[in-house]
């Protein structure tokens, strides 16, 4: 079996493994089961799934004119959009609170449905996914900064840096900055930086849940 982009595929699958592990750790930590907890779980699950489908697309579906490639590619963009939904919801919970986030969630889900429609029937270019994902990431970053200024907790600071690393990784990917054409191209560098970002965001998620668990005792 030929792997067309081995570096990209393997690092994508590495991100999937990392997300599965962090999701498992979050599921073990069930001291507080609330909307913030659930959306952090969705965030890591969706990110892991997006990495898996994206790695499969890069590794095994090289013919972009085939219907199967289109199906897998669309699935990649749709799952990436789900990561954006989770980011929007986490931001809304942190800033507006549990109750208000439910009303915000209605508009976020409606926007996601429109996004999926556009991907499937109108335009499945990666820039469409970026247009949906980047504002979601920015909202999560701003929400973390806002909460950090209120609480001054180190675990929130880790998340802020994680989101900043995400933006740096995205810039490198879009600019096509590469060190090696196979093992360190722009996509591989993006994945390596994302592995760091995901780890930092996991510490943030776990910190929020631990703090809430202590507050309820």
Protein backbone atom coordinates (compact mmCIF):
# COMPACT_ATOMS: atom_id res chain seq x y z
CA UNK A 1 0.00 0.00 0.00
CA UNK A 2 1.39 3.37 -1.04
CA UNK A 3 1.32 6.29 1.38
CA UNK A 4 1.49 9.37 -0.82
CA UNK A 5 2.44 11.89 1.89
CA UNK A 6 3.97 9.79 4.69
CA UNK A 7 5.16 12.65 6.85
CA UNK A 8 1.78 14.37 6.81
CA UNK A 9 -0.16 11.14 7.30
CA UNK A 10 1.92 9.87 10.21
CA UNK A 11 1.88 13.18 12.08
CA UNK A 12 -1.87 13.48 11.49
CA UNK A 13 -2.34 10.03 13.00
CA UNK A 14 -0.05 11.10 15.84
CA UNK A 15 -2.41 14.00 16.59
CA UNK A 16 -5.31 11.55 16.54
CA UNK A 17 -3.56 9.35 19.11
CA UNK A 18 -2.80 12.36 21.29
CA UNK A 19 -6.42 13.52 21.19
CA UNK A 20 -7.71 10.02 22.00
CA UNK A 21 -5.42 9.86 25.02
CA UNK A 22 -6.40 13.30 26.32
CA UNK A 23 -10.09 12.54 25.75
CA UNK A 24 -9.65 9.35 27.77
CA UNK A 25 -8.05 11.32 30.62
CA UNK A 26 -10.90 13.84 30.58
CA UNK A 27 -13.50 11.08 30.63
CA UNK A 28 -11.80 9.61 33.70
CA UNK A 29 -12.03 12.99 35.45
CA UNK A 30 -15.77 13.13 36.09
CA UNK A 31 -15.85 15.24 39.23
CA UNK A 32 -17.90 17.87 37.41
CA UNK A 33 -20.04 16.96 34.40
CA UNK A 34 -21.33 20.22 32.93
CA UNK A 35 -21.49 21.98 29.57
CA UNK A 36 -17.88 23.13 29.76
CA UNK A 37 -16.75 19.56 30.43
CA UNK A 38 -18.83 18.18 27.57
CA UNK A 39 -17.65 20.75 25.06
CA UNK A 40 -14.00 20.20 25.95
CA UNK A 41 -14.59 16.48 25.31
CA UNK A 42 -16.23 17.35 21.98
CA UNK A 43 -13.29 19.64 21.16
CA UNK A 44 -10.67 16.92 21.58
CA UNK A 45 -12.84 14.23 19.95
CA UNK A 46 -13.55 16.40 16.90
CA UNK A 47 -9.91 17.45 16.60
CA UNK A 48 -8.79 13.82 16.77
CA UNK A 49 -11.34 12.79 14.15
CA UNK A 50 -10.38 15.68 11.88
CA UNK A 51 -6.73 14.64 12.14
CA UNK A 52 -7.55 11.02 11.35
CA UNK A 53 -9.70 11.82 8.32
CA UNK A 54 -7.21 14.45 7.14
CA UNK A 55 -4.30 12.02 7.44
CA UNK A 56 -6.25 9.41 5.53
CA UNK A 57 -7.02 11.94 2.80
CA UNK A 58 -3.36 12.98 2.44
CA UNK A 59 -2.02 9.45 2.61
CA UNK A 60 -4.32 7.28 0.58
CA UNK A 61 -6.49 9.42 -1.71
CA UNK A 62 -4.26 11.19 -4.18
CA UNK A 63 -6.69 11.48 -7.11
CA UNK A 64 -8.54 14.70 -6.37
CA UNK A 65 -10.94 14.09 -9.24
CA UNK A 66 -12.35 10.89 -7.69
CA UNK A 67 -15.66 10.82 -5.84
CA UNK A 68 -14.05 8.97 -2.92
CA UNK A 69 -11.43 11.68 -2.48
CA UNK A 70 -14.16 14.32 -2.46
CA UNK A 71 -16.08 12.37 0.17
CA UNK A 72 -13.06 12.02 2.46
CA UNK A 73 -11.97 15.62 1.90
CA UNK A 74 -15.45 16.96 2.69
CA UNK A 75 -15.48 14.83 5.85
CA UNK A 76 -12.16 16.42 6.84
CA UNK A 77 -13.55 19.94 6.47
CA UNK A 78 -16.82 19.07 8.24
CA UNK A 79 -15.00 17.60 11.24
CA UNK A 80 -12.70 20.63 11.33
CA UNK A 81 -15.82 22.77 11.44
CA UNK A 82 -16.99 20.73 14.44
CA UNK A 83 -13.77 21.72 16.21
CA UNK A 84 -14.74 25.32 15.50
CA UNK A 85 -18.20 24.75 16.99
CA UNK A 86 -16.63 23.39 20.17
CA UNK A 87 -14.28 26.37 20.34
CA UNK A 88 -17.19 28.82 19.97
CA UNK A 89 -19.15 27.01 22.68
CA UNK A 90 -16.22 26.87 25.11
CA UNK A 91 -15.69 30.60 24.59
CA UNK A 92 -19.39 31.36 25.14
CA UNK A 93 -19.49 29.33 28.37
CA UNK A 94 -16.37 31.01 29.75
CA UNK A 95 -17.62 34.52 28.97
CA UNK A 96 -21.44 34.33 29.13
CA UNK A 97 -21.96 31.44 31.54
CA UNK A 98 -23.76 28.11 31.24
CA UNK A 99 -27.32 29.43 30.77
CA UNK A 100 -26.56 32.14 28.20
CA UNK A 101 -24.32 29.79 26.23
CA UNK A 102 -27.35 27.64 25.41
CA UNK A 103 -28.93 30.52 23.48
CA UNK A 104 -25.64 31.29 21.77
CA UNK A 105 -25.33 27.62 20.90
CA UNK A 106 -28.45 27.80 18.73
CA UNK A 107 -26.80 30.35 16.43
CA UNK A 108 -23.49 28.47 16.42
CA UNK A 109 -25.16 25.21 15.38
CA UNK A 110 -27.19 27.05 12.72
CA UNK A 111 -23.98 28.55 11.32
CA UNK A 112 -22.38 25.10 11.32
CA UNK A 113 -25.30 23.63 9.36
CA UNK A 114 -24.89 26.39 6.76
CA UNK A 115 -21.13 25.74 6.71
CA UNK A 116 -21.68 22.02 6.05
CA UNK A 117 -24.13 22.84 3.25
CA UNK A 118 -21.55 25.13 1.62
CA UNK A 119 -18.82 22.49 1.90
CA UNK A 120 -20.96 19.74 0.36
CA UNK A 121 -22.83 21.65 -2.33
CA UNK A 122 -21.07 24.95 -3.06
CA UNK A 123 -17.34 25.17 -2.30
CA UNK A 124 -15.07 22.69 -0.53
CA UNK A 125 -11.89 24.72 -0.66
CA UNK A 126 -9.78 24.75 2.51
CA UNK A 127 -10.19 28.52 2.74
CA UNK A 128 -13.88 28.01 3.52
CA UNK A 129 -12.91 25.91 6.54
CA UNK A 130 -10.36 28.54 7.58
CA UNK A 131 -13.04 31.25 7.37
CA UNK A 132 -15.15 29.27 9.85
CA UNK A 133 -12.37 27.93 12.07
CA UNK A 134 -10.16 31.00 12.58
CA UNK A 135 -12.89 33.23 14.13
CA UNK A 136 -13.81 30.33 16.43
CA UNK A 137 -10.19 29.99 17.52
CA UNK A 138 -9.94 33.76 18.01
CA UNK A 139 -13.06 33.75 20.18
CA UNK A 140 -11.62 30.95 22.33
CA UNK A 141 -8.32 32.82 22.67
CA UNK A 142 -10.05 36.05 23.70
CA UNK A 143 -12.26 34.17 26.17
CA UNK A 144 -9.20 32.56 27.78
CA UNK A 145 -7.47 35.95 28.04
CA UNK A 146 -10.60 37.43 29.63
CA UNK A 147 -10.86 34.65 32.20
CA UNK A 148 -7.12 34.78 32.90
CA UNK A 149 -7.32 38.50 33.69
CA UNK A 150 -10.05 37.68 36.21
CA UNK A 151 -8.56 34.58 37.85
CA UNK A 152 -4.81 34.72 37.17
CA UNK A 153 -4.47 30.94 37.00
CA UNK A 154 -1.47 29.31 35.35
CA UNK A 155 -3.56 26.61 33.70
CA UNK A 156 -5.44 29.33 31.79
CA UNK A 157 -2.14 30.88 30.74
CA UNK A 158 -1.15 27.53 29.23
CA UNK A 159 -4.33 27.57 27.14
CA UNK A 160 -3.64 31.10 25.91
CA UNK A 161 -0.22 29.99 24.72
CA UNK A 162 -1.77 26.90 23.17
CA UNK A 163 -4.11 29.03 21.08
CA UNK A 164 -1.24 31.34 20.08
CA UNK A 165 0.76 28.31 18.94
CA UNK A 166 -2.30 27.27 16.90
CA UNK A 167 -2.27 30.60 15.06
CA UNK A 168 1.49 30.37 14.46
CA UNK A 169 1.07 26.84 13.11
CA UNK A 170 -1.76 27.95 10.81
CA UNK A 171 0.34 30.83 9.48
CA UNK A 172 3.24 28.48 8.72
CA UNK A 173 0.87 26.10 6.95
CA UNK A 174 -0.76 28.81 4.84
CA UNK A 175 2.59 30.40 3.95
CA UNK A 176 3.94 26.99 2.88
CA UNK A 177 7.09 27.22 5.02
CA UNK A 178 9.00 23.92 4.73
CA UNK A 179 12.32 22.50 5.91
CA UNK A 180 12.16 19.14 4.12
CA UNK A 181 9.82 18.28 1.22
CA UNK A 182 8.59 15.02 2.80
CA UNK A 183 9.29 14.84 6.52
CA UNK A 184 9.19 18.53 7.47
CA UNK A 185 6.98 20.26 4.93
CA UNK A 186 4.51 22.98 5.93
CA UNK A 187 1.81 20.46 6.89
CA UNK A 188 4.16 18.37 9.06
CA UNK A 189 5.44 21.47 10.86
CA UNK A 190 1.82 22.49 11.39
CA UNK A 191 1.06 19.10 12.96
CA UNK A 192 4.11 19.18 15.24
CA UNK A 193 3.19 22.61 16.55
CA UNK A 194 -0.43 21.52 16.95
CA UNK A 195 0.74 18.62 19.12
CA UNK A 196 2.21 21.19 21.52
CA UNK A 197 -0.91 23.35 21.34
CA UNK A 198 -3.19 20.38 22.09
CA UNK A 199 -1.11 19.44 25.12
CA UNK A 200 -1.32 22.99 26.51
CA UNK A 201 -5.08 23.12 25.91
CA UNK A 202 -5.52 19.80 27.68
CA UNK A 203 -3.83 21.22 30.79
CA UNK A 204 -6.23 24.16 30.56
CA UNK A 205 -9.28 21.91 30.25
CA UNK A 206 -8.17 19.76 33.16
CA UNK A 207 -7.45 22.87 35.24
CA UNK A 208 -10.95 24.26 34.73
CA UNK A 209 -12.54 20.94 35.66
CA UNK A 210 -10.39 20.47 38.76
CA UNK A 211 -11.18 23.98 39.95
CA UNK A 212 -14.91 23.48 39.45
CA UNK A 213 -14.74 20.17 41.26
CA UNK A 214 -13.09 21.81 44.27
CA UNK A 215 -15.67 24.64 44.25
CA UNK A 216 -18.53 22.15 44.53
CA UNK A 217 -17.10 20.31 47.55
